[in-house]
């Protein structure tokens, strides 16, 4: 039996790594940076997952090139490779959605509908899909001062609206077809490898500049939003959340907020400056040099306690630990020496 993973980019690569480490048979489905071309390690997505699983990608997983909106192709893949569950991550990112709303509706909404239909026809055990904090806005904040899973959705742009539709589709397939679906409403995910998605319009390349470009000495780094706070959700925690949510019968038909470490952006800036004293870093209030018009839903205060109670999803990496791991992985890729973490972090170990 296999797990099908769509959208094997930044987050998907870590999900695949964890599934392979757990002994799962994994099938990757998508375009992998191209459109219908044979898969190869020259493609950024596959380079990242190959690196994370320790090499030998094609000996350890099955790669199928296909369109996420192709129902026949998905059904054929499910049947051929004995797929029993799906992690659905294929999606147009936020700024790409802003520039091509019709394409985003096709990939995000139609793609999700197609995955759900293929899963329902094959009576699969589980579909876990990526939603977003962008389904909410400040008007979703309740009397407690937080956004919760039962807060009213209020997307402020097309990307968030497509995710609302994905959630509604998944709930409908659960209610009407008995499909076990669970959505994870992700906030601001960061970590080594995020540069893979940056060219697709993640809408927040500024954090990549801070944790990758500054780490390898790639010129001046302007960091915006110095007056704001956000949820720093480290990618290894996010991947673990998807693997936990794959368990059948848990969170069926529901969508859950998941959390990282909510901290002022200024604290992250100061921490990186301490790790990289020679880096040319500047912190400004407001959006800085970023193009206007994109959601900053990542700054919303929210309560992700329900995911912890019902799915066992926990935040293991404080901001400092995730930042050190990200910077050192980027430096290692560039052939540079690691930076030494503060004494308080030297005893930090990854736990399950």
C-alpha atoms as a PDB file:
ATOM      1  CA  UNK A   1       0.000   0.000   0.000  1.00  0.00           C
ATOM      2  CA  UNK A   2       1.221   3.486  -0.901  1.00  0.00           C
ATOM      3  CA  UNK A   3       0.794   7.121   0.060  1.00  0.00           C
ATOM      4  CA  UNK A   4       0.325   9.504  -2.875  1.00  0.00           C
ATOM      5  CA  UNK A   5       1.867  12.972  -2.417  1.00  0.00           C
ATOM      6  CA  UNK A   6       0.931  15.794  -4.793  1.00  0.00           C
ATOM      7  CA  UNK A   7       2.886  19.036  -4.897  1.00  0.00           C
ATOM      8  CA  UNK A   8       6.322  17.794  -3.907  1.00  0.00           C
ATOM      9  CA  UNK A   9       7.936  21.180  -3.391  1.00  0.00           C
ATOM     10  CA  UNK A  10       9.104  22.726  -0.130  1.00  0.00           C
ATOM     11  CA  UNK A  11       6.751  21.192   2.445  1.00  0.00           C
ATOM     12  CA  UNK A  12       6.096  18.100   0.347  1.00  0.00           C
ATOM     13  CA  UNK A  13       9.772  17.173   0.295  1.00  0.00           C
ATOM     14  CA  UNK A  14       9.859  16.975   4.084  1.00  0.00           C
ATOM     15  CA  UNK A  15       6.603  15.010   4.147  1.00  0.00           C
ATOM     16  CA  UNK A  16       8.122  12.509   1.715  1.00  0.00           C
ATOM     17  CA  UNK A  17      11.289  12.298   3.819  1.00  0.00           C
ATOM     18  CA  UNK A  18       9.293  11.483   6.951  1.00  0.00           C
ATOM     19  CA  UNK A  19       7.061   8.969   5.174  1.00  0.00           C
ATOM     20  CA  UNK A  20      10.057   7.160   3.678  1.00  0.00           C
ATOM     21  CA  UNK A  21      11.788   7.157   7.077  1.00  0.00           C
ATOM     22  CA  UNK A  22       8.651   5.564   8.546  1.00  0.00           C
ATOM     23  CA  UNK A  23       8.836   2.754   5.988  1.00  0.00           C
ATOM     24  CA  UNK A  24       5.929   3.930   3.815  1.00  0.00           C
ATOM     25  CA  UNK A  25       5.751   3.304   0.084  1.00  0.00           C
ATOM     26  CA  UNK A  26       5.472   6.767  -1.502  1.00  0.00           C
ATOM     27  CA  UNK A  27       4.253   7.883  -4.937  1.00  0.00           C
ATOM     28  CA  UNK A  28       5.011  11.447  -6.082  1.00  0.00           C
ATOM     29  CA  UNK A  29       2.528  12.943  -8.545  1.00  0.00           C
ATOM     30  CA  UNK A  30       2.921  16.255 -10.383  1.00  0.00           C
ATOM     31  CA  UNK A  31       4.893  18.240 -12.938  1.00  0.00           C
ATOM     32  CA  UNK A  32       7.997  18.757 -10.774  1.00  0.00           C
ATOM     33  CA  UNK A  33       8.898  22.133 -12.231  1.00  0.00           C
ATOM     34  CA  UNK A  34       8.001  21.195 -15.813  1.00  0.00           C
ATOM     35  CA  UNK A  35       4.910  20.396 -17.859  1.00  0.00           C
ATOM     36  CA  UNK A  36       4.743  16.780 -18.873  1.00  0.00           C
ATOM     37  CA  UNK A  37       8.483  16.294 -19.228  1.00  0.00           C
ATOM     38  CA  UNK A  38      10.121  13.136 -17.878  1.00  0.00           C
ATOM     39  CA  UNK A  39      11.123  13.578 -14.245  1.00  0.00           C
ATOM     40  CA  UNK A  40      14.789  14.203 -13.548  1.00  0.00           C
ATOM     41  CA  UNK A  41      16.948  15.421 -10.666  1.00  0.00           C
ATOM     42  CA  UNK A  42      17.777  18.623 -12.541  1.00  0.00           C
ATOM     43  CA  UNK A  43      14.343  19.829 -11.459  1.00  0.00           C
ATOM     44  CA  UNK A  44      14.427  21.818  -8.189  1.00  0.00           C
ATOM     45  CA  UNK A  45      11.593  19.937  -6.470  1.00  0.00           C
ATOM     46  CA  UNK A  46      13.185  16.549  -6.989  1.00  0.00           C
ATOM     47  CA  UNK A  47      16.642  17.850  -6.055  1.00  0.00           C
ATOM     48  CA  UNK A  48      15.333  18.914  -2.662  1.00  0.00           C
ATOM     49  CA  UNK A  49      13.509  15.703  -1.802  1.00  0.00           C
ATOM     50  CA  UNK A  50      16.462  13.630  -3.062  1.00  0.00           C
ATOM     51  CA  UNK A  51      18.770  15.598  -0.767  1.00  0.00           C
ATOM     52  CA  UNK A  52      16.454  15.250   2.230  1.00  0.00           C
ATOM     53  CA  UNK A  53      16.001  11.478   1.950  1.00  0.00           C
ATOM     54  CA  UNK A  54      19.734  10.972   1.508  1.00  0.00           C
ATOM     55  CA  UNK A  55      19.920  10.344  -2.223  1.00  0.00           C
ATOM     56  CA  UNK A  56      18.689   7.551  -4.446  1.00  0.00           C
ATOM     57  CA  UNK A  57      15.281   9.147  -5.013  1.00  0.00           C
ATOM     58  CA  UNK A  58      14.110   6.888  -7.825  1.00  0.00           C
ATOM     59  CA  UNK A  59      15.090   3.770  -5.905  1.00  0.00           C
ATOM     60  CA  UNK A  60      13.123   4.861  -2.837  1.00  0.00           C
ATOM     61  CA  UNK A  61       9.938   6.412  -4.251  1.00  0.00           C
ATOM     62  CA  UNK A  62       7.825   6.186  -7.400  1.00  0.00           C
ATOM     63  CA  UNK A  63       7.590   9.340  -9.529  1.00  0.00           C
ATOM     64  CA  UNK A  64       4.577   9.865 -11.796  1.00  0.00           C
ATOM     65  CA  UNK A  65       4.411  12.924 -14.036  1.00  0.00           C
ATOM     66  CA  UNK A  66       0.831  14.148 -14.302  1.00  0.00           C
ATOM     67  CA  UNK A  67      -1.660  16.996 -14.014  1.00  0.00           C
ATOM     68  CA  UNK A  68      -3.486  17.282 -10.705  1.00  0.00           C
ATOM     69  CA  UNK A  69      -6.679  18.140 -12.606  1.00  0.00           C
ATOM     70  CA  UNK A  70      -6.484  14.949 -14.716  1.00  0.00           C
ATOM     71  CA  UNK A  71      -8.992  12.582 -13.112  1.00  0.00           C
ATOM     72  CA  UNK A  72      -8.152   9.657 -15.383  1.00  0.00           C
ATOM     73  CA  UNK A  73      -4.433  10.083 -14.698  1.00  0.00           C
ATOM     74  CA  UNK A  74      -4.972  10.213 -10.944  1.00  0.00           C
ATOM     75  CA  UNK A  75      -7.261   7.185 -10.992  1.00  0.00           C
ATOM     76  CA  UNK A  76      -4.732   5.236 -13.037  1.00  0.00           C
ATOM     77  CA  UNK A  77      -1.950   6.152 -10.624  1.00  0.00           C
ATOM     78  CA  UNK A  78      -4.037   5.167  -7.594  1.00  0.00           C
ATOM     79  CA  UNK A  79      -4.906   1.811  -9.101  1.00  0.00           C
ATOM     80  CA  UNK A  80      -1.479   0.993 -10.521  1.00  0.00           C
ATOM     81  CA  UNK A  81       0.438   1.762  -7.335  1.00  0.00           C
ATOM     82  CA  UNK A  82      -2.041   0.499  -4.722  1.00  0.00           C
ATOM     83  CA  UNK A  83      -2.504   3.958  -3.206  1.00  0.00           C
ATOM     84  CA  UNK A  84      -4.523   3.981   0.025  1.00  0.00           C
ATOM     85  CA  UNK A  85      -4.050   7.573   1.227  1.00  0.00           C
ATOM     86  CA  UNK A  86      -3.152  10.997  -0.146  1.00  0.00           C
ATOM     87  CA  UNK A  87      -1.271  14.056   1.071  1.00  0.00           C
ATOM     88  CA  UNK A  88      -2.506  16.788  -1.268  1.00  0.00           C
ATOM     89  CA  UNK A  89      -0.196  19.813  -1.388  1.00  0.00           C
ATOM     90  CA  UNK A  90      -0.315  20.861  -5.050  1.00  0.00           C
ATOM     91  CA  UNK A  91      -1.314  24.523  -5.128  1.00  0.00           C
ATOM     92  CA  UNK A  92      -0.605  27.880  -6.705  1.00  0.00           C
ATOM     93  CA  UNK A  93       1.101  30.096  -4.146  1.00  0.00           C
ATOM     94  CA  UNK A  94      -0.232  33.432  -2.988  1.00  0.00           C
ATOM     95  CA  UNK A  95       1.467  35.957  -5.273  1.00  0.00           C
ATOM     96  CA  UNK A  96       1.162  33.610  -8.270  1.00  0.00           C
ATOM     97  CA  UNK A  97      -2.552  33.503  -7.517  1.00  0.00           C
ATOM     98  CA  UNK A  98      -2.646  37.292  -7.457  1.00  0.00           C
ATOM     99  CA  UNK A  99      -1.135  37.399 -10.952  1.00  0.00           C
ATOM    100  CA  UNK A 100      -3.183  34.551 -12.441  1.00  0.00           C
ATOM    101  CA  UNK A 101      -6.470  34.137 -10.575  1.00  0.00           C
ATOM    102  CA  UNK A 102      -8.105  31.878 -13.155  1.00  0.00           C
ATOM    103  CA  UNK A 103      -5.084  29.570 -13.156  1.00  0.00           C
ATOM    104  CA  UNK A 104      -5.164  29.493  -9.379  1.00  0.00           C
ATOM    105  CA  UNK A 105      -8.810  28.482  -9.336  1.00  0.00           C
ATOM    106  CA  UNK A 106      -7.983  25.658 -11.726  1.00  0.00           C
ATOM    107  CA  UNK A 107      -5.010  24.319  -9.757  1.00  0.00           C
ATOM    108  CA  UNK A 108      -6.162  25.032  -6.216  1.00  0.00           C
ATOM    109  CA  UNK A 109      -9.897  24.364  -6.419  1.00  0.00           C
ATOM    110  CA  UNK A 110     -10.354  22.116  -9.465  1.00  0.00           C
ATOM    111  CA  UNK A 111      -7.192  20.210  -8.562  1.00  0.00           C
ATOM    112  CA  UNK A 112      -8.488  19.549  -5.055  1.00  0.00           C
ATOM    113  CA  UNK A 113     -11.901  18.515  -6.392  1.00  0.00           C
ATOM    114  CA  UNK A 114     -10.204  16.074  -8.775  1.00  0.00           C
ATOM    115  CA  UNK A 115      -8.057  14.547  -6.034  1.00  0.00           C
ATOM    116  CA  UNK A 116     -11.133  14.139  -3.823  1.00  0.00           C
ATOM    117  CA  UNK A 117     -13.136  12.554  -6.623  1.00  0.00           C
ATOM    118  CA  UNK A 118     -10.353  10.084  -7.435  1.00  0.00           C
ATOM    119  CA  UNK A 119     -10.030   9.232  -3.745  1.00  0.00           C
ATOM    120  CA  UNK A 120     -13.789   8.756  -3.319  1.00  0.00           C
ATOM    121  CA  UNK A 121     -14.067   6.499  -6.380  1.00  0.00           C
ATOM    122  CA  UNK A 122     -11.245   4.321  -5.051  1.00  0.00           C
ATOM    123  CA  UNK A 123     -12.605   4.368  -1.461  1.00  0.00           C
ATOM    124  CA  UNK A 124      -9.246   5.508  -0.117  1.00  0.00           C
ATOM    125  CA  UNK A 125      -8.583   5.490   3.614  1.00  0.00           C
ATOM    126  CA  UNK A 126      -7.560   9.141   4.008  1.00  0.00           C
ATOM    127  CA  UNK A 127      -6.944  12.457   2.240  1.00  0.00           C
ATOM    128  CA  UNK A 128      -4.997  15.158   4.098  1.00  0.00           C
ATOM    129  CA  UNK A 129      -4.796  18.487   2.269  1.00  0.00           C
ATOM    130  CA  UNK A 130      -3.156  21.866   2.803  1.00  0.00           C
ATOM    131  CA  UNK A 131      -5.389  24.802   3.613  1.00  0.00           C
ATOM    132  CA  UNK A 132      -4.226  28.170   4.936  1.00  0.00           C
ATOM    133  CA  UNK A 133      -4.601  30.786   7.650  1.00  0.00           C
ATOM    134  CA  UNK A 134      -5.572  33.002   4.682  1.00  0.00           C
ATOM    135  CA  UNK A 135      -9.141  31.701   4.912  1.00  0.00           C
ATOM    136  CA  UNK A 136      -9.429  34.183   7.819  1.00  0.00           C
ATOM    137  CA  UNK A 137      -8.893  37.910   8.339  1.00  0.00           C
ATOM    138  CA  UNK A 138      -8.884  40.322  11.265  1.00  0.00           C
ATOM    139  CA  UNK A 139     -12.672  40.292  11.111  1.00  0.00           C
ATOM    140  CA  UNK A 140     -12.501  36.592  12.045  1.00  0.00           C
ATOM    141  CA  UNK A 141     -11.026  37.390  15.472  1.00  0.00           C
ATOM    142  CA  UNK A 142     -13.529  36.502  18.198  1.00  0.00           C
ATOM    143  CA  UNK A 143     -14.202  37.882  21.684  1.00  0.00           C
ATOM    144  CA  UNK A 144     -11.235  35.891  23.019  1.00  0.00           C
ATOM    145  CA  UNK A 145      -8.891  37.968  20.874  1.00  0.00           C
ATOM    146  CA  UNK A 146      -7.964  34.983  18.718  1.00  0.00           C
ATOM    147  CA  UNK A 147      -9.017  33.277  15.500  1.00  0.00           C
ATOM    148  CA  UNK A 148     -10.261  29.737  16.165  1.00  0.00           C
ATOM    149  CA  UNK A 149     -11.223  26.886  13.860  1.00  0.00           C
ATOM    150  CA  UNK A 150     -14.890  27.780  14.166  1.00  0.00           C
ATOM    151  CA  UNK A 151     -14.316  31.483  13.425  1.00  0.00           C
ATOM    152  CA  UNK A 152     -16.063  32.832  10.312  1.00  0.00           C
ATOM    153  CA  UNK A 153     -14.009  32.619   7.153  1.00  0.00           C
ATOM    154  CA  UNK A 154     -13.234  35.972   5.544  1.00  0.00           C
ATOM    155  CA  UNK A 155     -10.555  35.622   2.834  1.00  0.00           C
ATOM    156  CA  UNK A 156      -9.163  38.907   1.561  1.00  0.00           C
ATOM    157  CA  UNK A 157      -7.829  37.705  -1.792  1.00  0.00           C
ATOM    158  CA  UNK A 158      -8.263  34.933  -4.354  1.00  0.00           C
ATOM    159  CA  UNK A 159      -5.735  32.579  -2.765  1.00  0.00           C
ATOM    160  CA  UNK A 160      -7.629  32.475   0.533  1.00  0.00           C
ATOM    161  CA  UNK A 161     -10.938  32.166  -1.316  1.00  0.00           C
ATOM    162  CA  UNK A 162      -9.700  29.087  -3.198  1.00  0.00           C
ATOM    163  CA  UNK A 163      -8.714  27.518   0.118  1.00  0.00           C
ATOM    164  CA  UNK A 164     -12.198  28.163   1.535  1.00  0.00           C
ATOM    165  CA  UNK A 165     -13.629  26.352  -1.482  1.00  0.00           C
ATOM    166  CA  UNK A 166     -11.177  23.468  -0.976  1.00  0.00           C
ATOM    167  CA  UNK A 167     -12.337  23.116   2.628  1.00  0.00           C
ATOM    168  CA  UNK A 168     -15.981  23.137   1.573  1.00  0.00           C
ATOM    169  CA  UNK A 169     -15.303  20.534  -1.118  1.00  0.00           C
ATOM    170  CA  UNK A 170     -13.515  18.267   1.354  1.00  0.00           C
ATOM    171  CA  UNK A 171     -16.348  18.577   3.881  1.00  0.00           C
ATOM    172  CA  UNK A 172     -18.879  17.760   1.146  1.00  0.00           C
ATOM    173  CA  UNK A 173     -16.982  14.645   0.056  1.00  0.00           C
ATOM    174  CA  UNK A 174     -16.878  13.594   3.699  1.00  0.00           C
ATOM    175  CA  UNK A 175     -20.590  14.206   4.290  1.00  0.00           C
ATOM    176  CA  UNK A 176     -21.937  12.884   0.997  1.00  0.00           C
ATOM    177  CA  UNK A 177     -19.417  10.245  -0.067  1.00  0.00           C
ATOM    178  CA  UNK A 178     -18.002   9.090   3.273  1.00  0.00           C
ATOM    179  CA  UNK A 179     -14.429  10.143   2.372  1.00  0.00           C
ATOM    180  CA  UNK A 180     -12.125  10.646   5.364  1.00  0.00           C
ATOM    181  CA  UNK A 181     -10.633  14.127   4.791  1.00  0.00           C
ATOM    182  CA  UNK A 182      -8.580  16.405   7.044  1.00  0.00           C
ATOM    183  CA  UNK A 183      -7.307  19.891   6.224  1.00  0.00           C
ATOM    184  CA  UNK A 184      -4.412  21.729   7.881  1.00  0.00           C
ATOM    185  CA  UNK A 185      -4.640  25.539   7.927  1.00  0.00           C
ATOM    186  CA  UNK A 186      -0.983  26.467   7.674  1.00  0.00           C
ATOM    187  CA  UNK A 187       0.459  29.799   8.741  1.00  0.00           C
ATOM    188  CA  UNK A 188       3.961  31.071   7.822  1.00  0.00           C
ATOM    189  CA  UNK A 189       6.090  28.005   7.096  1.00  0.00           C
ATOM    190  CA  UNK A 190       9.866  28.460   6.919  1.00  0.00           C
ATOM    191  CA  UNK A 191      12.975  26.300   6.755  1.00  0.00           C
ATOM    192  CA  UNK A 192      15.749  25.027   4.520  1.00  0.00           C
ATOM    193  CA  UNK A 193      14.543  24.572   0.944  1.00  0.00           C
ATOM    194  CA  UNK A 194      11.984  27.379   0.971  1.00  0.00           C
ATOM    195  CA  UNK A 195      13.769  28.936  -1.997  1.00  0.00           C
ATOM    196  CA  UNK A 196      12.193  26.144  -4.103  1.00  0.00           C
ATOM    197  CA  UNK A 197       8.773  27.804  -3.801  1.00  0.00           C
ATOM    198  CA  UNK A 198       9.991  31.417  -3.932  1.00  0.00           C
ATOM    199  CA  UNK A 199       9.987  31.514  -7.732  1.00  0.00           C
ATOM    200  CA  UNK A 200       6.346  30.358  -7.728  1.00  0.00           C
ATOM    201  CA  UNK A 201       5.142  33.351  -5.784  1.00  0.00           C
ATOM    202  CA  UNK A 202       5.105  32.482  -2.110  1.00  0.00           C
ATOM    203  CA  UNK A 203       4.545  36.184  -1.371  1.00  0.00           C
ATOM    204  CA  UNK A 204       7.001  36.301   1.529  1.00  0.00           C
ATOM    205  CA  UNK A 205      10.462  35.990   0.026  1.00  0.00           C
ATOM    206  CA  UNK A 206      11.742  38.421   2.636  1.00  0.00           C
ATOM    207  CA  UNK A 207      12.159  35.589   5.156  1.00  0.00           C
ATOM    208  CA  UNK A 208      14.139  33.569   2.610  1.00  0.00           C
ATOM    209  CA  UNK A 209      16.406  36.601   2.216  1.00  0.00           C
ATOM    210  CA  UNK A 210      16.971  36.694   5.967  1.00  0.00           C
ATOM    211  CA  UNK A 211      17.585  32.982   6.492  1.00  0.00           C
ATOM    212  CA  UNK A 212      19.258  32.040   3.216  1.00  0.00           C
ATOM    213  CA  UNK A 213      20.725  35.059   1.442  1.00  0.00           C
ATOM    214  CA  UNK A 214      22.111  36.616   4.624  1.00  0.00           C
ATOM    215  CA  UNK A 215      23.402  33.212   5.766  1.00  0.00           C
ATOM    216  CA  UNK A 216      25.526  32.770   2.640  1.00  0.00           C
ATOM    217  CA  UNK A 217      26.579  36.426   2.268  1.00  0.00           C
ATOM    218  CA  UNK A 218      24.437  37.119  -0.806  1.00  0.00           C
ATOM    219  CA  UNK A 219      24.352  40.925  -0.492  1.00  0.00           C
ATOM    220  CA  UNK A 220      22.324  43.342   1.642  1.00  0.00           C
ATOM    221  CA  UNK A 221      19.116  42.059   3.226  1.00  0.00           C
ATOM    222  CA  UNK A 222      16.122  44.312   3.860  1.00  0.00           C
ATOM    223  CA  UNK A 223      13.629  42.802   6.316  1.00  0.00           C
ATOM    224  CA  UNK A 224      10.118  44.342   6.433  1.00  0.00           C
ATOM    225  CA  UNK A 225       7.336  44.297   9.040  1.00  0.00           C
ATOM    226  CA  UNK A 226       9.587  45.090  11.976  1.00  0.00           C
ATOM    227  CA  UNK A 227       6.557  46.263  13.940  1.00  0.00           C
ATOM    228  CA  UNK A 228       4.591  43.034  13.474  1.00  0.00           C
ATOM    229  CA  UNK A 229       4.347  39.596  15.056  1.00  0.00           C
ATOM    230  CA  UNK A 230       3.892  36.319  13.229  1.00  0.00           C
ATOM    231  CA  UNK A 231       3.726  32.565  13.696  1.00  0.00           C
ATOM    232  CA  UNK A 232       7.108  31.047  12.816  1.00  0.00           C
ATOM    233  CA  UNK A 233       6.102  27.518  11.785  1.00  0.00           C
ATOM    234  CA  UNK A 234       9.179  25.409  11.137  1.00  0.00           C
ATOM    235  CA  UNK A 235       8.860  23.044   8.186  1.00  0.00           C
ATOM    236  CA  UNK A 236       9.830  19.893  10.105  1.00  0.00           C
ATOM    237  CA  UNK A 237       6.938  20.518  12.489  1.00  0.00           C
ATOM    238  CA  UNK A 238       4.633  21.037   9.510  1.00  0.00           C
ATOM    239  CA  UNK A 239       5.696  17.769   7.873  1.00  0.00           C
ATOM    240  CA  UNK A 240       5.155  15.937  11.142  1.00  0.00           C
ATOM    241  CA  UNK A 241       1.653  17.440  11.332  1.00  0.00           C
ATOM    242  CA  UNK A 242       0.741  16.002   7.920  1.00  0.00           C
ATOM    243  CA  UNK A 243       2.053  12.562   8.836  1.00  0.00           C
ATOM    244  CA  UNK A 244       0.078  12.584  12.094  1.00  0.00           C
ATOM    245  CA  UNK A 245      -3.077  13.743  10.312  1.00  0.00           C
ATOM    246  CA  UNK A 246      -2.829  10.759   7.917  1.00  0.00           C
ATOM    247  CA  UNK A 247      -4.129   8.412  10.601  1.00  0.00           C
ATOM    248  CA  UNK A 248      -7.612   7.324   9.496  1.00  0.00           C
ATOM    249  CA  UNK A 249     -10.575   8.314  11.624  1.00  0.00           C
ATOM    250  CA  UNK A 250      -8.952  11.329  13.268  1.00  0.00           C
ATOM    251  CA  UNK A 251     -10.236  14.788  12.336  1.00  0.00           C
ATOM    252  CA  UNK A 252     -12.445  13.371   9.619  1.00  0.00           C
ATOM    253  CA  UNK A 253     -14.225  16.079   7.629  1.00  0.00           C
ATOM    254  CA  UNK A 254     -12.539  18.871   9.611  1.00  0.00           C
ATOM    255  CA  UNK A 255      -9.975  21.611   8.952  1.00  0.00           C
ATOM    256  CA  UNK A 256      -7.499  22.598  11.667  1.00  0.00           C
ATOM    257  CA  UNK A 257      -5.296  25.561  12.446  1.00  0.00           C
ATOM    258  CA  UNK A 258      -1.740  24.432  13.175  1.00  0.00           C
ATOM    259  CA  UNK A 259       0.835  26.546  14.969  1.00  0.00           C
ATOM    260  CA  UNK A 260       4.511  27.261  15.305  1.00  0.00           C
ATOM    261  CA  UNK A 261       6.104  29.855  17.588  1.00  0.00           C
ATOM    262  CA  UNK A 262       4.345  33.239  17.583  1.00  0.00           C
ATOM    263  CA  UNK A 263       7.047  35.890  17.992  1.00  0.00           C
ATOM    264  CA  UNK A 264       7.788  39.509  17.038  1.00  0.00           C
ATOM    265  CA  UNK A 265       9.618  39.700  13.709  1.00  0.00           C
ATOM    266  CA  UNK A 266      12.069  42.064  15.388  1.00  0.00           C
ATOM    267  CA  UNK A 267      13.137  39.231  17.723  1.00  0.00           C
ATOM    268  CA  UNK A 268      13.910  36.959  14.776  1.00  0.00           C
ATOM    269  CA  UNK A 269      15.855  39.792  13.105  1.00  0.00           C
ATOM    270  CA  UNK A 270      17.911  40.426  16.248  1.00  0.00           C
ATOM    271  CA  UNK A 271      18.552  36.699  16.714  1.00  0.00           C
ATOM    272  CA  UNK A 272      19.832  36.305  13.147  1.00  0.00           C
ATOM    273  CA  UNK A 273      21.991  39.404  13.582  1.00  0.00           C
ATOM    274  CA  UNK A 274      23.599  37.771  16.614  1.00  0.00           C
ATOM    275  CA  UNK A 275      24.295  34.580  14.669  1.00  0.00           C
ATOM    276  CA  UNK A 276      25.600  36.458  11.590  1.00  0.00           C
ATOM    277  CA  UNK A 277      27.326  39.602  12.926  1.00  0.00           C
ATOM    278  CA  UNK A 278      28.938  40.363   9.558  1.00  0.00           C
ATOM    279  CA  UNK A 279      25.677  40.194   7.581  1.00  0.00           C
ATOM    280  CA  UNK A 280      24.330  43.418   6.064  1.00  0.00           C
ATOM    281  CA  UNK A 281      20.842  43.457   7.635  1.00  0.00           C
ATOM    282  CA  UNK A 282      18.280  46.259   7.793  1.00  0.00           C
ATOM    283  CA  UNK A 283      14.908  46.091   9.548  1.00  0.00           C
ATOM    284  CA  UNK A 284      12.090  48.450   8.553  1.00  0.00           C
ATOM    285  CA  UNK A 285       8.476  48.878   9.566  1.00  0.00           C
ATOM    286  CA  UNK A 286       5.816  48.244   6.919  1.00  0.00           C
ATOM    287  CA  UNK A 287       6.216  46.243   3.698  1.00  0.00           C
ATOM    288  CA  UNK A 288       9.568  47.713   2.698  1.00  0.00           C
ATOM    289  CA  UNK A 289      10.351  46.863  -0.923  1.00  0.00           C
ATOM    290  CA  UNK A 290       7.625  44.236  -1.260  1.00  0.00           C
ATOM    291  CA  UNK A 291       4.942  44.648  -3.887  1.00  0.00           C
ATOM    292  CA  UNK A 292       1.614  45.708  -2.327  1.00  0.00           C
ATOM    293  CA  UNK A 293      -1.620  43.778  -2.399  1.00  0.00           C
ATOM    294  CA  UNK A 294      -0.784  40.472  -0.735  1.00  0.00           C
ATOM    295  CA  UNK A 295      -2.364  39.037   2.384  1.00  0.00           C
ATOM    296  CA  UNK A 296      -0.578  39.276   5.714  1.00  0.00           C
ATOM    297  CA  UNK A 297      -2.889  36.770   7.392  1.00  0.00           C
ATOM    298  CA  UNK A 298       0.232  35.214   8.937  1.00  0.00           C
ATOM    299  CA  UNK A 299       0.132  37.981  11.575  1.00  0.00           C
ATOM    300  CA  UNK A 300      -3.298  36.936  12.893  1.00  0.00           C
ATOM    301  CA  UNK A 301      -3.392  35.710  16.502  1.00  0.00           C
ATOM    302  CA  UNK A 302      -4.947  32.262  16.451  1.00  0.00           C
ATOM    303  CA  UNK A 303      -5.657  29.296  18.673  1.00  0.00           C
ATOM    304  CA  UNK A 304      -4.446  25.935  17.326  1.00  0.00           C
ATOM    305  CA  UNK A 305      -5.223  23.981  20.474  1.00  0.00           C
ATOM    306  CA  UNK A 306      -7.839  21.842  18.760  1.00  0.00           C
ATOM    307  CA  UNK A 307      -5.240  20.279  16.432  1.00  0.00           C
ATOM    308  CA  UNK A 308      -3.118  19.396  19.427  1.00  0.00           C
ATOM    309  CA  UNK A 309      -6.013  17.874  21.348  1.00  0.00           C
ATOM    310  CA  UNK A 310      -7.602  15.917  18.493  1.00  0.00           C
ATOM    311  CA  UNK A 311      -4.669  15.099  16.195  1.00  0.00           C
ATOM    312  CA  UNK A 312      -1.705  15.182  18.553  1.00  0.00           C
ATOM    313  CA  UNK A 313      -0.032  17.937  16.525  1.00  0.00           C
ATOM    314  CA  UNK A 314       2.545  19.802  18.608  1.00  0.00           C
ATOM    315  CA  UNK A 315       5.133  22.525  18.033  1.00  0.00           C
ATOM    316  CA  UNK A 316       8.573  21.074  18.809  1.00  0.00           C
ATOM    317  CA  UNK A 317      10.788  23.817  17.391  1.00  0.00           C
ATOM    318  CA  UNK A 318      10.955  27.273  18.978  1.00  0.00           C
ATOM    319  CA  UNK A 319      11.805  30.064  16.559  1.00  0.00           C
ATOM    320  CA  UNK A 320      15.479  30.102  17.547  1.00  0.00           C
ATOM    321  CA  UNK A 321      15.950  26.371  16.981  1.00  0.00           C
ATOM    322  CA  UNK A 322      14.275  26.450  13.560  1.00  0.00           C
ATOM    323  CA  UNK A 323      16.245  29.519  12.493  1.00  0.00           C
ATOM    324  CA  UNK A 324      19.588  27.959  13.486  1.00  0.00           C
ATOM    325  CA  UNK A 325      18.778  24.751  11.610  1.00  0.00           C
ATOM    326  CA  UNK A 326      17.684  26.697   8.528  1.00  0.00           C
ATOM    327  CA  UNK A 327      20.724  28.967   8.463  1.00  0.00           C
ATOM    328  CA  UNK A 328      23.166  26.096   8.959  1.00  0.00           C
ATOM    329  CA  UNK A 329      21.525  23.962   6.265  1.00  0.00           C
ATOM    330  CA  UNK A 330      21.772  26.877   3.831  1.00  0.00           C
ATOM    331  CA  UNK A 331      25.408  27.474   4.790  1.00  0.00           C
ATOM    332  CA  UNK A 332      26.223  23.788   4.375  1.00  0.00           C
ATOM    333  CA  UNK A 333      24.724  23.838   0.884  1.00  0.00           C
ATOM    334  CA  UNK A 334      27.000  26.786   0.052  1.00  0.00           C
ATOM    335  CA  UNK A 335      30.072  25.060   1.499  1.00  0.00           C
ATOM    336  CA  UNK A 336      30.273  27.388   4.522  1.00  0.00           C
ATOM    337  CA  UNK A 337      30.925  26.529   8.147  1.00  0.00           C
ATOM    338  CA  UNK A 338      27.996  26.251  10.519  1.00  0.00           C
ATOM    339  CA  UNK A 339      27.259  29.021  12.984  1.00  0.00           C
ATOM    340  CA  UNK A 340      27.316  28.115  16.647  1.00  0.00           C
ATOM    341  CA  UNK A 341      23.899  28.337  18.334  1.00  0.00           C
ATOM    342  CA  UNK A 342      23.519  30.086  21.678  1.00  0.00           C
ATOM    343  CA  UNK A 343      24.286  27.914  24.694  1.00  0.00           C
ATOM    344  CA  UNK A 344      20.593  27.641  25.533  1.00  0.00           C
ATOM    345  CA  UNK A 345      19.984  25.794  22.265  1.00  0.00           C
ATOM    346  CA  UNK A 346      22.912  23.394  22.302  1.00  0.00           C
ATOM    347  CA  UNK A 347      20.896  20.816  24.216  1.00  0.00           C
ATOM    348  CA  UNK A 348      17.923  21.031  21.860  1.00  0.00           C
ATOM    349  CA  UNK A 349      17.164  17.766  20.107  1.00  0.00           C
ATOM    350  CA  UNK A 350      14.456  16.795  17.686  1.00  0.00           C
ATOM    351  CA  UNK A 351      11.765  14.665  19.280  1.00  0.00           C
ATOM    352  CA  UNK A 352       8.815  12.770  17.942  1.00  0.00           C
END
